[in-house]
């Protein structure tokens, strides 16, 4: 995920999502609206408004824009939202996803091309970024790798989420970064899978066409509805419409059902890791 620089402007230390939420509550109450009433006007639930006000969930830009219209705040919430997003070191389309990962209780992911970011080693991540940004300065590549590894720290924290990753067979066989990097990467997955908080499956070539056509991530939370995230070249979409999320979840379940069992998947990953290691020494 590429680095995004801030645009300057509102740099007061107090400015954060808590500030956004406190101001939202103040303006909503001044307008005489309940959370449910404001939610209906901006096409989200009243529960979402409450989560915005307590900074449990961050609104997308279009929601902030609709809030400005309904509360007649002359673009205030849009400006604050843009500033907070621009402060994130991640690409604008990924900033909210990176924040949500830190509060998710469960993360489910499928990627047809690569090992999911949370499971990547330093060498593998570097190879992915170099392939995607071959002309980028070394400092930018190094910073992107650092941020990706920083995200993965949630797997070892006190509140680590349960992670279920389905890897396409192509992702474990393609030599991203070379044989040595791949052997290390697959052994890293095997090591993570010894933790009961991480489950890895492999969707084999024999399964045919997958129900999901691209990288898809789901996140579940204790006090908020689940969200889905889909990504394409240079772009991504965070989805929170319940019907859309449910449709994506069904497709993910079909992929998971078509994959090898966790035990058979780990056996295949170990076997392919040995193949990469043997190629390295050949």
C-alpha atoms as a PDB file:
ATOM      1  CA  UNK A   1       0.000   0.000   0.000  1.00  0.00           C
ATOM      2  CA  UNK A   2       1.605   3.262  -1.093  1.00  0.00           C
ATOM      3  CA  UNK A   3       2.454   6.105   1.237  1.00  0.00           C
ATOM      4  CA  UNK A   4       0.132   9.111   1.233  1.00  0.00           C
ATOM      5  CA  UNK A   5       1.391  12.482   2.419  1.00  0.00           C
ATOM      6  CA  UNK A   6      -0.869  14.875   4.309  1.00  0.00           C
ATOM      7  CA  UNK A   7      -2.114  18.033   2.688  1.00  0.00           C
ATOM      8  CA  UNK A   8      -1.411  20.328   5.623  1.00  0.00           C
ATOM      9  CA  UNK A   9      -3.967  22.633   7.152  1.00  0.00           C
ATOM     10  CA  UNK A  10      -5.579  21.527  10.401  1.00  0.00           C
ATOM     11  CA  UNK A  11      -2.587  20.303  12.380  1.00  0.00           C
ATOM     12  CA  UNK A  12      -3.839  20.850  15.909  1.00  0.00           C
ATOM     13  CA  UNK A  13      -3.004  17.899  18.180  1.00  0.00           C
ATOM     14  CA  UNK A  14      -6.674  17.620  19.193  1.00  0.00           C
ATOM     15  CA  UNK A  15      -7.758  16.798  15.666  1.00  0.00           C
ATOM     16  CA  UNK A  16      -8.505  13.089  15.420  1.00  0.00           C
ATOM     17  CA  UNK A  17     -11.443  10.742  14.927  1.00  0.00           C
ATOM     18  CA  UNK A  18     -12.475  11.392  18.535  1.00  0.00           C
ATOM     19  CA  UNK A  19     -12.692  15.101  17.643  1.00  0.00           C
ATOM     20  CA  UNK A  20     -14.756  14.246  14.547  1.00  0.00           C
ATOM     21  CA  UNK A  21     -17.128  12.195  16.697  1.00  0.00           C
ATOM     22  CA  UNK A  22     -17.480  14.813  19.422  1.00  0.00           C
ATOM     23  CA  UNK A  23     -18.264  17.520  16.872  1.00  0.00           C
ATOM     24  CA  UNK A  24     -20.731  15.249  15.099  1.00  0.00           C
ATOM     25  CA  UNK A  25     -22.593  14.668  18.339  1.00  0.00           C
ATOM     26  CA  UNK A  26     -22.580  18.385  19.181  1.00  0.00           C
ATOM     27  CA  UNK A  27     -23.943  19.417  15.774  1.00  0.00           C
ATOM     28  CA  UNK A  28     -26.469  16.574  15.682  1.00  0.00           C
ATOM     29  CA  UNK A  29     -27.898  17.463  19.083  1.00  0.00           C
ATOM     30  CA  UNK A  30     -27.959  21.157  18.155  1.00  0.00           C
ATOM     31  CA  UNK A  31     -30.058  20.203  15.124  1.00  0.00           C
ATOM     32  CA  UNK A  32     -32.458  18.310  17.380  1.00  0.00           C
ATOM     33  CA  UNK A  33     -31.846  14.949  15.670  1.00  0.00           C
ATOM     34  CA  UNK A  34     -31.456  11.510  17.207  1.00  0.00           C
ATOM     35  CA  UNK A  35     -28.756   9.166  15.933  1.00  0.00           C
ATOM     36  CA  UNK A  36     -31.426   7.153  14.145  1.00  0.00           C
ATOM     37  CA  UNK A  37     -32.934  10.234  12.470  1.00  0.00           C
ATOM     38  CA  UNK A  38     -29.565  11.474  11.201  1.00  0.00           C
ATOM     39  CA  UNK A  39     -28.660   7.986  10.062  1.00  0.00           C
ATOM     40  CA  UNK A  40     -31.818   7.731   7.969  1.00  0.00           C
ATOM     41  CA  UNK A  41     -31.029  11.050   6.295  1.00  0.00           C
ATOM     42  CA  UNK A  42     -27.453  10.072   5.350  1.00  0.00           C
ATOM     43  CA  UNK A  43     -28.320   6.453   4.433  1.00  0.00           C
ATOM     44  CA  UNK A  44     -26.612   4.641   7.318  1.00  0.00           C
ATOM     45  CA  UNK A  45     -28.026   3.128  10.491  1.00  0.00           C
ATOM     46  CA  UNK A  46     -28.401   5.027  13.732  1.00  0.00           C
ATOM     47  CA  UNK A  47     -25.943   2.529  15.199  1.00  0.00           C
ATOM     48  CA  UNK A  48     -23.344   3.704  12.688  1.00  0.00           C
ATOM     49  CA  UNK A  49     -23.868   7.319  13.735  1.00  0.00           C
ATOM     50  CA  UNK A  50     -23.264   6.271  17.325  1.00  0.00           C
ATOM     51  CA  UNK A  51     -20.087   4.466  16.299  1.00  0.00           C
ATOM     52  CA  UNK A  52     -18.888   7.554  14.407  1.00  0.00           C
ATOM     53  CA  UNK A  53     -19.510   9.663  17.500  1.00  0.00           C
ATOM     54  CA  UNK A  54     -17.468   7.332  19.724  1.00  0.00           C
ATOM     55  CA  UNK A  55     -14.728   6.832  17.087  1.00  0.00           C
ATOM     56  CA  UNK A  56     -15.389   3.089  16.999  1.00  0.00           C
ATOM     57  CA  UNK A  57     -15.880   3.373  13.255  1.00  0.00           C
ATOM     58  CA  UNK A  58     -14.585   5.955  10.784  1.00  0.00           C
ATOM     59  CA  UNK A  59     -17.016   7.324   8.164  1.00  0.00           C
ATOM     60  CA  UNK A  60     -16.241   7.181   4.483  1.00  0.00           C
ATOM     61  CA  UNK A  61     -15.933  10.494   2.680  1.00  0.00           C
ATOM     62  CA  UNK A  62     -19.321  10.333   0.961  1.00  0.00           C
ATOM     63  CA  UNK A  63     -21.029   9.849   4.331  1.00  0.00           C
ATOM     64  CA  UNK A  64     -19.174  12.872   5.768  1.00  0.00           C
ATOM     65  CA  UNK A  65     -20.358  14.895   2.781  1.00  0.00           C
ATOM     66  CA  UNK A  66     -23.983  13.883   3.348  1.00  0.00           C
ATOM     67  CA  UNK A  67     -23.661  14.747   7.048  1.00  0.00           C
ATOM     68  CA  UNK A  68     -22.517  18.240   6.062  1.00  0.00           C
ATOM     69  CA  UNK A  69     -25.609  18.660   3.898  1.00  0.00           C
ATOM     70  CA  UNK A  70     -28.027  17.491   6.585  1.00  0.00           C
ATOM     71  CA  UNK A  71     -26.411  19.414   9.455  1.00  0.00           C
ATOM     72  CA  UNK A  72     -25.666  22.468   7.281  1.00  0.00           C
ATOM     73  CA  UNK A  73     -22.031  22.551   8.406  1.00  0.00           C
ATOM     74  CA  UNK A  74     -20.607  24.030   5.190  1.00  0.00           C
ATOM     75  CA  UNK A  75     -18.203  21.177   4.391  1.00  0.00           C
ATOM     76  CA  UNK A  76     -16.730  20.980   7.909  1.00  0.00           C
ATOM     77  CA  UNK A  77     -17.008  17.204   8.304  1.00  0.00           C
ATOM     78  CA  UNK A  78     -15.749  16.586   4.769  1.00  0.00           C
ATOM     79  CA  UNK A  79     -12.667  18.733   5.460  1.00  0.00           C
ATOM     80  CA  UNK A  80     -11.907  16.994   8.752  1.00  0.00           C
ATOM     81  CA  UNK A  81     -12.424  13.590   7.159  1.00  0.00           C
ATOM     82  CA  UNK A  82     -10.073  14.415   4.283  1.00  0.00           C
ATOM     83  CA  UNK A  83      -7.429  15.720   6.683  1.00  0.00           C
ATOM     84  CA  UNK A  84      -7.534  12.619   8.870  1.00  0.00           C
ATOM     85  CA  UNK A  85      -7.358  10.297   5.864  1.00  0.00           C
ATOM     86  CA  UNK A  86      -4.447  12.274   4.400  1.00  0.00           C
ATOM     87  CA  UNK A  87      -2.533  11.888   7.652  1.00  0.00           C
ATOM     88  CA  UNK A  88      -2.473   8.126   7.266  1.00  0.00           C
ATOM     89  CA  UNK A  89       0.778   6.683   5.878  1.00  0.00           C
ATOM     90  CA  UNK A  90      -1.273   4.319   3.717  1.00  0.00           C
ATOM     91  CA  UNK A  91      -2.804   4.859   0.315  1.00  0.00           C
ATOM     92  CA  UNK A  92      -6.044   6.796   0.648  1.00  0.00           C
ATOM     93  CA  UNK A  93      -8.196   3.864  -0.400  1.00  0.00           C
ATOM     94  CA  UNK A  94      -6.529   1.599   2.206  1.00  0.00           C
ATOM     95  CA  UNK A  95      -6.224   3.944   5.201  1.00  0.00           C
ATOM     96  CA  UNK A  96      -9.571   3.009   6.755  1.00  0.00           C
ATOM     97  CA  UNK A  97      -8.868  -0.701   6.240  1.00  0.00           C
ATOM     98  CA  UNK A  98      -5.551  -0.490   8.102  1.00  0.00           C
ATOM     99  CA  UNK A  99      -7.306   1.220  11.021  1.00  0.00           C
ATOM    100  CA  UNK A 100     -10.143  -1.297  11.107  1.00  0.00           C
ATOM    101  CA  UNK A 101      -7.681  -4.213  11.225  1.00  0.00           C
ATOM    102  CA  UNK A 102      -6.469  -3.006  14.621  1.00  0.00           C
ATOM    103  CA  UNK A 103      -9.945  -3.348  16.155  1.00  0.00           C
ATOM    104  CA  UNK A 104     -11.193  -6.423  14.256  1.00  0.00           C
ATOM    105  CA  UNK A 105     -11.874  -9.605  16.186  1.00  0.00           C
ATOM    106  CA  UNK A 106     -11.703 -11.708  13.014  1.00  0.00           C
ATOM    107  CA  UNK A 107     -10.095 -11.224   9.593  1.00  0.00           C
ATOM    108  CA  UNK A 108     -10.921 -13.472   6.640  1.00  0.00           C
ATOM    109  CA  UNK A 109      -9.040 -13.086   3.379  1.00  0.00           C
ATOM    110  CA  UNK A 110      -8.632 -14.622  -0.062  1.00  0.00           C
ATOM    111  CA  UNK A 111      -6.022 -13.604  -2.598  1.00  0.00           C
ATOM    112  CA  UNK A 112      -5.682 -15.300  -5.997  1.00  0.00           C
ATOM    113  CA  UNK A 113      -2.169 -13.923  -6.658  1.00  0.00           C
ATOM    114  CA  UNK A 114      -0.210 -13.248  -3.474  1.00  0.00           C
ATOM    115  CA  UNK A 115       0.190 -14.255   0.131  1.00  0.00           C
ATOM    116  CA  UNK A 116      -2.076 -11.890   2.155  1.00  0.00           C
ATOM    117  CA  UNK A 117      -0.249  -8.856   3.529  1.00  0.00           C
ATOM    118  CA  UNK A 118      -0.680  -9.788   7.200  1.00  0.00           C
ATOM    119  CA  UNK A 119       1.188 -13.052   6.571  1.00  0.00           C
ATOM    120  CA  UNK A 120       4.045 -11.687   4.456  1.00  0.00           C
ATOM    121  CA  UNK A 121       7.724 -11.788   5.383  1.00  0.00           C
ATOM    122  CA  UNK A 122       9.993  -8.806   4.845  1.00  0.00           C
ATOM    123  CA  UNK A 123      11.715 -10.307   1.776  1.00  0.00           C
ATOM    124  CA  UNK A 124       8.424 -11.341   0.170  1.00  0.00           C
ATOM    125  CA  UNK A 125       6.814  -7.943   0.798  1.00  0.00           C
ATOM    126  CA  UNK A 126       9.830  -6.204  -0.691  1.00  0.00           C
ATOM    127  CA  UNK A 127       9.596  -8.352  -3.840  1.00  0.00           C
ATOM    128  CA  UNK A 128       5.876  -7.529  -4.185  1.00  0.00           C
ATOM    129  CA  UNK A 129       6.447  -3.784  -3.873  1.00  0.00           C
ATOM    130  CA  UNK A 130       9.411  -3.855  -6.265  1.00  0.00           C
ATOM    131  CA  UNK A 131       7.310  -5.651  -8.877  1.00  0.00           C
ATOM    132  CA  UNK A 132       4.477  -3.132  -8.476  1.00  0.00           C
ATOM    133  CA  UNK A 133       6.706  -0.016  -8.287  1.00  0.00           C
ATOM    134  CA  UNK A 134       9.906  -0.847 -10.211  1.00  0.00           C
ATOM    135  CA  UNK A 135      10.907   2.823 -10.558  1.00  0.00           C
ATOM    136  CA  UNK A 136      10.182   3.864  -6.956  1.00  0.00           C
ATOM    137  CA  UNK A 137      13.085   5.189  -4.839  1.00  0.00           C
ATOM    138  CA  UNK A 138      14.600   2.699  -2.417  1.00  0.00           C
ATOM    139  CA  UNK A 139      13.432   4.769   0.535  1.00  0.00           C
ATOM    140  CA  UNK A 140       9.816   4.510  -0.598  1.00  0.00           C
ATOM    141  CA  UNK A 141      10.057   0.735  -1.053  1.00  0.00           C
ATOM    142  CA  UNK A 142      11.638   0.357   2.384  1.00  0.00           C
ATOM    143  CA  UNK A 143       8.914   2.480   3.987  1.00  0.00           C
ATOM    144  CA  UNK A 144       6.164   0.457   2.313  1.00  0.00           C
ATOM    145  CA  UNK A 145       7.721  -2.765   3.579  1.00  0.00           C
ATOM    146  CA  UNK A 146       8.066  -1.318   7.089  1.00  0.00           C
ATOM    147  CA  UNK A 147       4.389  -0.336   7.167  1.00  0.00           C
ATOM    148  CA  UNK A 148       3.281  -3.770   5.972  1.00  0.00           C
ATOM    149  CA  UNK A 149       5.301  -5.481   8.702  1.00  0.00           C
ATOM    150  CA  UNK A 150       3.931  -2.971  11.202  1.00  0.00           C
ATOM    151  CA  UNK A 151       0.396  -4.020  10.277  1.00  0.00           C
ATOM    152  CA  UNK A 152       1.294  -7.659  10.925  1.00  0.00           C
ATOM    153  CA  UNK A 153       2.163  -6.858  14.539  1.00  0.00           C
ATOM    154  CA  UNK A 154      -1.521  -7.270  15.403  1.00  0.00           C
ATOM    155  CA  UNK A 155      -1.015 -11.037  15.001  1.00  0.00           C
ATOM    156  CA  UNK A 156       1.219 -11.042  18.073  1.00  0.00           C
ATOM    157  CA  UNK A 157      -0.534  -8.498  20.282  1.00  0.00           C
ATOM    158  CA  UNK A 158      -2.660  -9.119  23.350  1.00  0.00           C
ATOM    159  CA  UNK A 159      -5.868  -8.587  21.327  1.00  0.00           C
ATOM    160  CA  UNK A 160      -4.760 -10.450  18.218  1.00  0.00           C
ATOM    161  CA  UNK A 161      -7.616 -11.217  15.833  1.00  0.00           C
ATOM    162  CA  UNK A 162      -8.547 -14.637  14.530  1.00  0.00           C
ATOM    163  CA  UNK A 163      -7.244 -14.799  10.950  1.00  0.00           C
ATOM    164  CA  UNK A 164      -8.477 -17.229   8.293  1.00  0.00           C
ATOM    165  CA  UNK A 165      -6.607 -16.935   5.000  1.00  0.00           C
ATOM    166  CA  UNK A 166      -7.329 -18.842   1.812  1.00  0.00           C
ATOM    167  CA  UNK A 167      -4.346 -18.810  -0.550  1.00  0.00           C
ATOM    168  CA  UNK A 168      -4.645 -19.754  -4.168  1.00  0.00           C
ATOM    169  CA  UNK A 169      -2.240 -22.538  -5.181  1.00  0.00           C
ATOM    170  CA  UNK A 170      -0.710 -20.068  -7.635  1.00  0.00           C
ATOM    171  CA  UNK A 171       0.269 -17.846  -4.688  1.00  0.00           C
ATOM    172  CA  UNK A 172       2.334 -20.560  -3.009  1.00  0.00           C
ATOM    173  CA  UNK A 173       3.970 -21.832  -6.210  1.00  0.00           C
ATOM    174  CA  UNK A 174       4.858 -18.544  -7.922  1.00  0.00           C
ATOM    175  CA  UNK A 175       8.467 -17.657  -7.036  1.00  0.00           C
ATOM    176  CA  UNK A 176       7.960 -14.100  -5.801  1.00  0.00           C
ATOM    177  CA  UNK A 177      11.447 -12.859  -4.961  1.00  0.00           C
ATOM    178  CA  UNK A 178      13.036 -16.186  -5.886  1.00  0.00           C
ATOM    179  CA  UNK A 179      13.180 -19.673  -4.436  1.00  0.00           C
ATOM    180  CA  UNK A 180      14.835 -18.687  -1.164  1.00  0.00           C
ATOM    181  CA  UNK A 181      12.278 -15.965  -0.459  1.00  0.00           C
ATOM    182  CA  UNK A 182       9.406 -18.317  -1.218  1.00  0.00           C
ATOM    183  CA  UNK A 183      10.758 -21.101   0.984  1.00  0.00           C
ATOM    184  CA  UNK A 184      11.086 -18.612   3.847  1.00  0.00           C
ATOM    185  CA  UNK A 185       7.611 -17.195   3.201  1.00  0.00           C
ATOM    186  CA  UNK A 186       5.881 -20.560   3.223  1.00  0.00           C
ATOM    187  CA  UNK A 187       7.700 -21.654   6.365  1.00  0.00           C
ATOM    188  CA  UNK A 188       6.547 -18.414   7.973  1.00  0.00           C
ATOM    189  CA  UNK A 189       2.942 -19.348   7.180  1.00  0.00           C
ATOM    190  CA  UNK A 190       3.494 -22.795   8.689  1.00  0.00           C
ATOM    191  CA  UNK A 191       4.861 -21.183  11.833  1.00  0.00           C
ATOM    192  CA  UNK A 192       1.904 -18.778  12.094  1.00  0.00           C
ATOM    193  CA  UNK A 193      -0.502 -21.667  11.637  1.00  0.00           C
ATOM    194  CA  UNK A 194       0.762 -23.283  14.843  1.00  0.00           C
ATOM    195  CA  UNK A 195      -1.069 -20.435  16.593  1.00  0.00           C
ATOM    196  CA  UNK A 196      -4.744 -21.224  16.978  1.00  0.00           C
ATOM    197  CA  UNK A 197      -5.521 -17.667  15.940  1.00  0.00           C
ATOM    198  CA  UNK A 198      -4.362 -18.314  12.346  1.00  0.00           C
ATOM    199  CA  UNK A 199      -5.879 -20.791   9.885  1.00  0.00           C
ATOM    200  CA  UNK A 200      -4.508 -21.216   6.365  1.00  0.00           C
ATOM    201  CA  UNK A 201      -6.144 -23.065   3.481  1.00  0.00           C
ATOM    202  CA  UNK A 202      -5.048 -23.559  -0.113  1.00  0.00           C
ATOM    203  CA  UNK A 203      -7.447 -23.397  -3.037  1.00  0.00           C
ATOM    204  CA  UNK A 204      -5.949 -25.980  -5.435  1.00  0.00           C
ATOM    205  CA  UNK A 205      -5.802 -25.638  -9.198  1.00  0.00           C
ATOM    206  CA  UNK A 206      -8.115 -28.661  -9.383  1.00  0.00           C
ATOM    207  CA  UNK A 207     -10.926 -26.637  -7.738  1.00  0.00           C
ATOM    208  CA  UNK A 208     -11.533 -24.800 -11.006  1.00  0.00           C
ATOM    209  CA  UNK A 209     -12.798 -21.220 -11.220  1.00  0.00           C
ATOM    210  CA  UNK A 210     -13.022 -19.561  -7.778  1.00  0.00           C
ATOM    211  CA  UNK A 211     -16.220 -17.896  -6.592  1.00  0.00           C
ATOM    212  CA  UNK A 212     -14.167 -14.755  -5.873  1.00  0.00           C
ATOM    213  CA  UNK A 213     -12.335 -13.187  -8.797  1.00  0.00           C
ATOM    214  CA  UNK A 214      -9.968 -10.932  -6.851  1.00  0.00           C
ATOM    215  CA  UNK A 215      -8.467 -10.089  -3.477  1.00  0.00           C
ATOM    216  CA  UNK A 216     -11.234  -9.928  -0.863  1.00  0.00           C
ATOM    217  CA  UNK A 217     -11.032  -9.301   2.888  1.00  0.00           C
ATOM    218  CA  UNK A 218     -13.699  -9.427   5.586  1.00  0.00           C
ATOM    219  CA  UNK A 219     -13.424  -8.010   9.084  1.00  0.00           C
ATOM    220  CA  UNK A 220     -15.732  -8.702  12.015  1.00  0.00           C
ATOM    221  CA  UNK A 221     -15.986  -6.661  15.218  1.00  0.00           C
ATOM    222  CA  UNK A 222     -17.382  -7.013  18.713  1.00  0.00           C
ATOM    223  CA  UNK A 223     -19.436  -3.834  18.625  1.00  0.00           C
ATOM    224  CA  UNK A 224     -19.967  -3.118  14.925  1.00  0.00           C
ATOM    225  CA  UNK A 225     -21.308  -4.878  11.808  1.00  0.00           C
ATOM    226  CA  UNK A 226     -18.809  -6.676   9.543  1.00  0.00           C
ATOM    227  CA  UNK A 227     -17.269  -4.993   6.511  1.00  0.00           C
ATOM    228  CA  UNK A 228     -15.749  -6.272   3.283  1.00  0.00           C
ATOM    229  CA  UNK A 229     -12.834  -4.877   1.301  1.00  0.00           C
ATOM    230  CA  UNK A 230     -12.069  -5.623  -2.336  1.00  0.00           C
ATOM    231  CA  UNK A 231      -8.968  -4.451  -4.147  1.00  0.00           C
ATOM    232  CA  UNK A 232      -7.829  -3.973  -7.721  1.00  0.00           C
ATOM    233  CA  UNK A 233      -4.779  -2.359  -9.357  1.00  0.00           C
ATOM    234  CA  UNK A 234      -4.191   0.952  -7.583  1.00  0.00           C
ATOM    235  CA  UNK A 235      -7.631   1.051  -6.015  1.00  0.00           C
ATOM    236  CA  UNK A 236      -9.787  -0.523  -3.342  1.00  0.00           C
ATOM    237  CA  UNK A 237     -13.317  -0.333  -1.988  1.00  0.00           C
ATOM    238  CA  UNK A 238     -14.470  -0.714   1.610  1.00  0.00           C
ATOM    239  CA  UNK A 239     -18.001  -2.122   1.595  1.00  0.00           C
ATOM    240  CA  UNK A 240     -20.368  -1.864   4.542  1.00  0.00           C
ATOM    241  CA  UNK A 241     -23.789  -2.245   2.946  1.00  0.00           C
ATOM    242  CA  UNK A 242     -25.181  -5.355   4.735  1.00  0.00           C
ATOM    243  CA  UNK A 243     -26.572  -6.958   1.581  1.00  0.00           C
ATOM    244  CA  UNK A 244     -23.331  -6.449  -0.336  1.00  0.00           C
ATOM    245  CA  UNK A 245     -21.216  -7.753   2.547  1.00  0.00           C
ATOM    246  CA  UNK A 246     -23.469 -10.809   2.852  1.00  0.00           C
ATOM    247  CA  UNK A 247     -23.104 -11.509  -0.882  1.00  0.00           C
ATOM    248  CA  UNK A 248     -19.309 -11.306  -0.610  1.00  0.00           C
ATOM    249  CA  UNK A 249     -19.329 -13.523   2.471  1.00  0.00           C
ATOM    250  CA  UNK A 250     -21.265 -16.192   0.585  1.00  0.00           C
ATOM    251  CA  UNK A 251     -18.703 -16.121  -2.218  1.00  0.00           C
ATOM    252  CA  UNK A 252     -15.896 -16.403   0.351  1.00  0.00           C
ATOM    253  CA  UNK A 253     -17.625 -19.372   1.984  1.00  0.00           C
ATOM    254  CA  UNK A 254     -17.807 -21.082  -1.414  1.00  0.00           C
ATOM    255  CA  UNK A 255     -14.066 -20.513  -1.909  1.00  0.00           C
ATOM    256  CA  UNK A 256     -13.325 -21.838   1.563  1.00  0.00           C
ATOM    257  CA  UNK A 257     -15.496 -24.907   0.945  1.00  0.00           C
ATOM    258  CA  UNK A 258     -13.673 -25.646  -2.322  1.00  0.00           C
ATOM    259  CA  UNK A 259     -10.253 -25.323  -0.680  1.00  0.00           C
ATOM    260  CA  UNK A 260      -8.255 -28.149   0.829  1.00  0.00           C
ATOM    261  CA  UNK A 261      -8.802 -28.818   4.520  1.00  0.00           C
ATOM    262  CA  UNK A 262      -6.501 -26.904   6.876  1.00  0.00           C
ATOM    263  CA  UNK A 263      -4.506 -30.063   7.553  1.00  0.00           C
ATOM    264  CA  UNK A 264      -4.126 -30.943   3.854  1.00  0.00           C
ATOM    265  CA  UNK A 265      -3.345 -27.301   3.082  1.00  0.00           C
ATOM    266  CA  UNK A 266      -0.477 -27.176   5.573  1.00  0.00           C
ATOM    267  CA  UNK A 267       0.890 -30.430   4.169  1.00  0.00           C
ATOM    268  CA  UNK A 268       0.848 -28.936   0.666  1.00  0.00           C
ATOM    269  CA  UNK A 269       2.434 -25.687   1.847  1.00  0.00           C
ATOM    270  CA  UNK A 270       5.212 -27.664   3.554  1.00  0.00           C
ATOM    271  CA  UNK A 271       5.769 -29.755   0.432  1.00  0.00           C
ATOM    272  CA  UNK A 272       5.946 -26.703  -1.842  1.00  0.00           C
ATOM    273  CA  UNK A 273       8.287 -24.984   0.624  1.00  0.00           C
ATOM    274  CA  UNK A 274      10.634 -27.947   0.268  1.00  0.00           C
ATOM    275  CA  UNK A 275      10.388 -27.708  -3.512  1.00  0.00           C
ATOM    276  CA  UNK A 276      11.435 -24.046  -3.350  1.00  0.00           C
ATOM    277  CA  UNK A 277      14.269 -24.892  -0.937  1.00  0.00           C
ATOM    278  CA  UNK A 278      15.532 -27.648  -3.203  1.00  0.00           C
ATOM    279  CA  UNK A 279      15.422 -25.295  -6.184  1.00  0.00           C
ATOM    280  CA  UNK A 280      17.495 -22.844  -4.178  1.00  0.00           C
ATOM    281  CA  UNK A 281      20.241 -25.395  -3.529  1.00  0.00           C
ATOM    282  CA  UNK A 282      20.164 -27.021  -6.964  1.00  0.00           C
END
